[in-house]
Structure formats: structure tokens, C-alpha cells
């Protein structure tokens, strides 16, 4: 019986921890949504225009983009960044929150994104990687270039 009690306590602790993390994530997104300049889309993506690039090109789902970015957890810890080196990829080959946000941007725009976990890596996180399950993410993204995909690859 002591082993069953230990297992039951472990499961109860894990469930309580999961609820506490989910509450903290929901609290962050609720507070962020109230900040000046933050827009929340129908999907739950939150974005704030840090800098407008004016009348640049808006990417489509099927385009390639080149960006600078920095990804952080809601507590500000950085998990990934481009370090001032442009990164190129097809718009439709990233997490859903990025795909949606990029199509709202124009070249030259800089956005701050708050991406709920269901538009990021969801309940799996990045197994073996830095992002735990059910984690909302924050990104600073600057859209540099937009171009059509050529022969299945980005032209830059």
C-alpha cells in the first residue's frame, strides 16, 4: 500500500503542477491582451506593432520570408534567436502562430507576438528540446524580405 500512496501523491502533485502552469500561462496572456497596442486575433494570437515598415509587401502562406527574430518564454528567458543573421523559410512551414502573424506583417514591420501554446508546440512541446508542453511563447520578429518559393526552396 505505501507504494500506491506514493504513486497517488505523485500523480496529484503532477496534476496540481500542470494546473498551476496552465493558470500562469492563461494569466500572462490575459494581462498581455490588456496592454496598450496589443491586438488579439480570433485564433488567440496576440501581436503588437513595434515598428511599422510602411507599405511593404505582405507575405502569403505560400511565400518565403526572411526575418530577424528572438523567442522567449513568458518569464523573459530566451530559447532561440537569429542573432542578427537573417533566417529564411516558407511561411506555411512554421508553427501556426507564426504563419498567421507573418501574413499580418509587411516588409520592414517589427512585431511582438504572444503565441498561445495551441498555436505553438501544443501538448508535446519540443521533445528533447527547450520548449515544454503547453507553453505560450513570445517572439520579436522583424520581416525583412518576401518572395515566392522557387523550386521548393526560398530564393534567399
Protein backbone atom coordinates (compact mmCIF):
# COMPACT_ATOMS: atom_id res chain seq x y z
CA UNK A 1 0.00 0.00 0.00
CA UNK A 2 2.79 2.56 0.66
CA UNK A 3 3.83 2.30 -3.00
CA UNK A 4 0.28 3.03 -4.18
CA UNK A 5 0.09 6.00 -1.82
CA UNK A 6 3.38 7.34 -3.22
CA UNK A 7 2.12 6.93 -6.79
CA UNK A 8 -1.18 8.64 -5.93
CA UNK A 9 0.64 11.56 -4.29
CA UNK A 10 2.98 11.86 -7.27
CA UNK A 11 0.05 11.94 -9.69
CA UNK A 12 -1.78 14.52 -7.56
CA UNK A 13 1.34 16.71 -7.43
CA UNK A 14 1.83 16.44 -11.20
CA UNK A 15 -1.82 17.37 -11.83
CA UNK A 16 -1.60 20.33 -9.45
CA UNK A 17 1.64 21.48 -11.12
CA UNK A 18 0.05 21.24 -14.57
CA UNK A 19 -2.94 23.28 -13.42
CA UNK A 20 -0.66 25.90 -11.83
CA UNK A 21 1.37 26.23 -15.06
CA UNK A 22 -1.80 26.45 -17.18
CA UNK A 23 -3.16 29.16 -14.86
CA UNK A 24 0.10 31.13 -15.04
CA UNK A 25 0.09 30.90 -18.84
CA UNK A 26 -3.55 31.99 -19.05
CA UNK A 27 -2.83 34.85 -16.62
CA UNK A 28 0.09 36.02 -18.78
CA UNK A 29 -1.99 36.03 -21.97
CA UNK A 30 -4.92 37.78 -20.24
CA UNK A 31 -2.63 40.51 -18.85
CA UNK A 32 -0.80 40.89 -22.16
CA UNK A 33 -4.08 41.33 -24.05
CA UNK A 34 -4.80 44.42 -21.92
CA UNK A 35 -1.50 46.15 -22.75
CA UNK A 36 -1.68 49.24 -25.00
CA UNK A 37 -1.39 48.41 -28.69
CA UNK A 38 -1.93 44.66 -28.33
CA UNK A 39 -4.40 43.11 -30.77
CA UNK A 40 -5.84 39.64 -30.22
CA UNK A 41 -6.97 37.75 -33.33
CA UNK A 42 -9.87 35.29 -33.47
CA UNK A 43 -7.41 32.40 -33.05
CA UNK A 44 -5.96 33.89 -29.86
CA UNK A 45 -2.70 35.14 -31.37
CA UNK A 46 -1.65 38.41 -29.75
CA UNK A 47 0.52 40.96 -31.52
CA UNK A 48 1.77 44.49 -31.08
CA UNK A 49 3.28 46.58 -33.86
CA UNK A 50 6.63 47.75 -32.51
CA UNK A 51 7.64 49.43 -35.77
CA UNK A 52 5.71 49.86 -38.98
CA UNK A 53 7.57 49.33 -42.22
CA UNK A 54 5.02 51.40 -44.10
CA UNK A 55 3.65 50.00 -47.33
CA UNK A 56 5.89 46.96 -47.76
CA UNK A 57 4.89 43.59 -49.16
CA UNK A 58 2.60 41.26 -47.18
CA UNK A 59 3.54 37.58 -47.47
CA UNK A 60 1.07 34.88 -48.43
CA UNK A 61 1.03 31.38 -46.94
CA UNK A 62 2.90 30.07 -49.97
CA UNK A 63 5.69 32.69 -49.92
CA UNK A 64 9.14 32.61 -48.37
CA UNK A 65 10.21 35.21 -45.85
CA UNK A 66 13.46 36.39 -44.36
CA UNK A 67 13.32 37.59 -40.75
CA UNK A 68 15.25 38.51 -37.64
CA UNK A 69 13.69 37.04 -34.51
CA UNK A 70 14.10 36.37 -30.82
CA UNK A 71 11.98 33.80 -28.99
CA UNK A 72 11.42 33.92 -25.25
CA UNK A 73 9.31 32.26 -22.62
CA UNK A 74 6.76 34.41 -20.81
CA UNK A 75 9.30 34.91 -18.00
CA UNK A 76 11.74 36.52 -20.46
CA UNK A 77 14.21 33.65 -20.80
CA UNK A 78 15.47 33.35 -24.39
CA UNK A 79 15.16 29.92 -26.01
CA UNK A 80 16.14 30.85 -29.59
CA UNK A 81 17.19 33.83 -31.69
CA UNK A 82 18.68 34.68 -35.05
CA UNK A 83 21.49 36.79 -33.52
CA UNK A 84 21.19 39.47 -36.21
CA UNK A 85 21.55 36.94 -39.03
CA UNK A 86 18.52 36.73 -41.35
CA UNK A 87 16.68 33.41 -41.29
CA UNK A 88 14.61 32.34 -44.33
CA UNK A 89 11.75 29.84 -44.50
CA UNK A 90 8.37 29.24 -46.18
CA UNK A 91 5.51 30.94 -44.30
CA UNK A 92 3.49 27.71 -44.17
CA UNK A 93 6.30 25.63 -42.67
CA UNK A 94 6.42 27.14 -39.19
CA UNK A 95 4.17 27.00 -36.13
CA UNK A 96 0.60 28.20 -36.78
CA UNK A 97 1.07 31.37 -34.71
CA UNK A 98 3.98 32.44 -36.90
CA UNK A 99 2.12 31.58 -40.13
CA UNK A 100 -0.80 33.75 -39.04
CA UNK A 101 1.35 36.63 -37.77
CA UNK A 102 3.62 36.80 -40.82
CA UNK A 103 0.58 37.28 -43.08
CA UNK A 104 -0.40 40.33 -40.99
CA UNK A 105 3.02 41.94 -41.44
CA UNK A 106 4.62 43.95 -44.22
CA UNK A 107 8.31 44.08 -45.06
CA UNK A 108 10.04 46.37 -42.59
CA UNK A 109 7.50 45.71 -39.82
CA UNK A 110 8.62 44.64 -36.38
CA UNK A 111 6.01 42.84 -34.27
CA UNK A 112 5.98 41.45 -30.76
CA UNK A 113 3.98 38.22 -30.73
CA UNK A 114 2.45 36.35 -27.81
CA UNK A 115 1.55 32.92 -29.13
CA UNK A 116 -0.74 30.64 -27.10
CA UNK A 117 0.52 27.08 -26.80
CA UNK A 118 -2.14 25.71 -29.16
CA UNK A 119 -0.69 27.94 -31.92
CA UNK A 120 2.88 26.99 -30.94
CA UNK A 121 4.05 23.49 -29.98
CA UNK A 122 0.92 22.42 -28.05
CA UNK A 123 0.81 19.48 -25.65
CA UNK A 124 4.03 17.89 -26.95
CA UNK A 125 6.35 20.89 -26.73
CA UNK A 126 9.62 20.14 -28.47
CA UNK A 127 10.56 16.65 -27.19
CA UNK A 128 14.20 16.75 -26.19
CA UNK A 129 14.24 20.46 -26.93
CA UNK A 130 13.86 23.64 -24.95
CA UNK A 131 10.06 24.14 -25.11
CA UNK A 132 7.94 22.30 -22.54
CA UNK A 133 4.42 21.11 -23.35
CA UNK A 134 1.58 23.66 -23.30
CA UNK A 135 3.87 26.68 -23.27
CA UNK A 136 2.91 30.04 -24.74
CA UNK A 137 5.80 31.78 -26.46
CA UNK A 138 6.83 35.39 -27.04
CA UNK A 139 8.65 36.49 -30.18
CA UNK A 140 10.09 39.71 -31.50
CA UNK A 141 10.01 39.43 -35.30
CA UNK A 142 11.25 41.81 -38.00
CA UNK A 143 10.12 40.96 -41.53
CA UNK A 144 12.98 41.69 -43.95
CA UNK A 145 12.07 40.13 -47.31
CA UNK A 146 9.22 38.33 -49.06
CA UNK A 147 9.47 36.26 -52.24
CA UNK A 148 7.68 33.36 -53.92
CA UNK A 149 9.02 29.87 -53.31
CA UNK A 150 11.23 28.73 -56.21
CA UNK A 151 11.65 25.02 -56.95
CA UNK A 152 10.52 24.22 -53.40
CA UNK A 153 13.11 26.49 -51.78
CA UNK A 154 13.44 30.05 -50.57
CA UNK A 155 15.34 32.21 -53.07
CA UNK A 156 17.41 33.93 -50.38
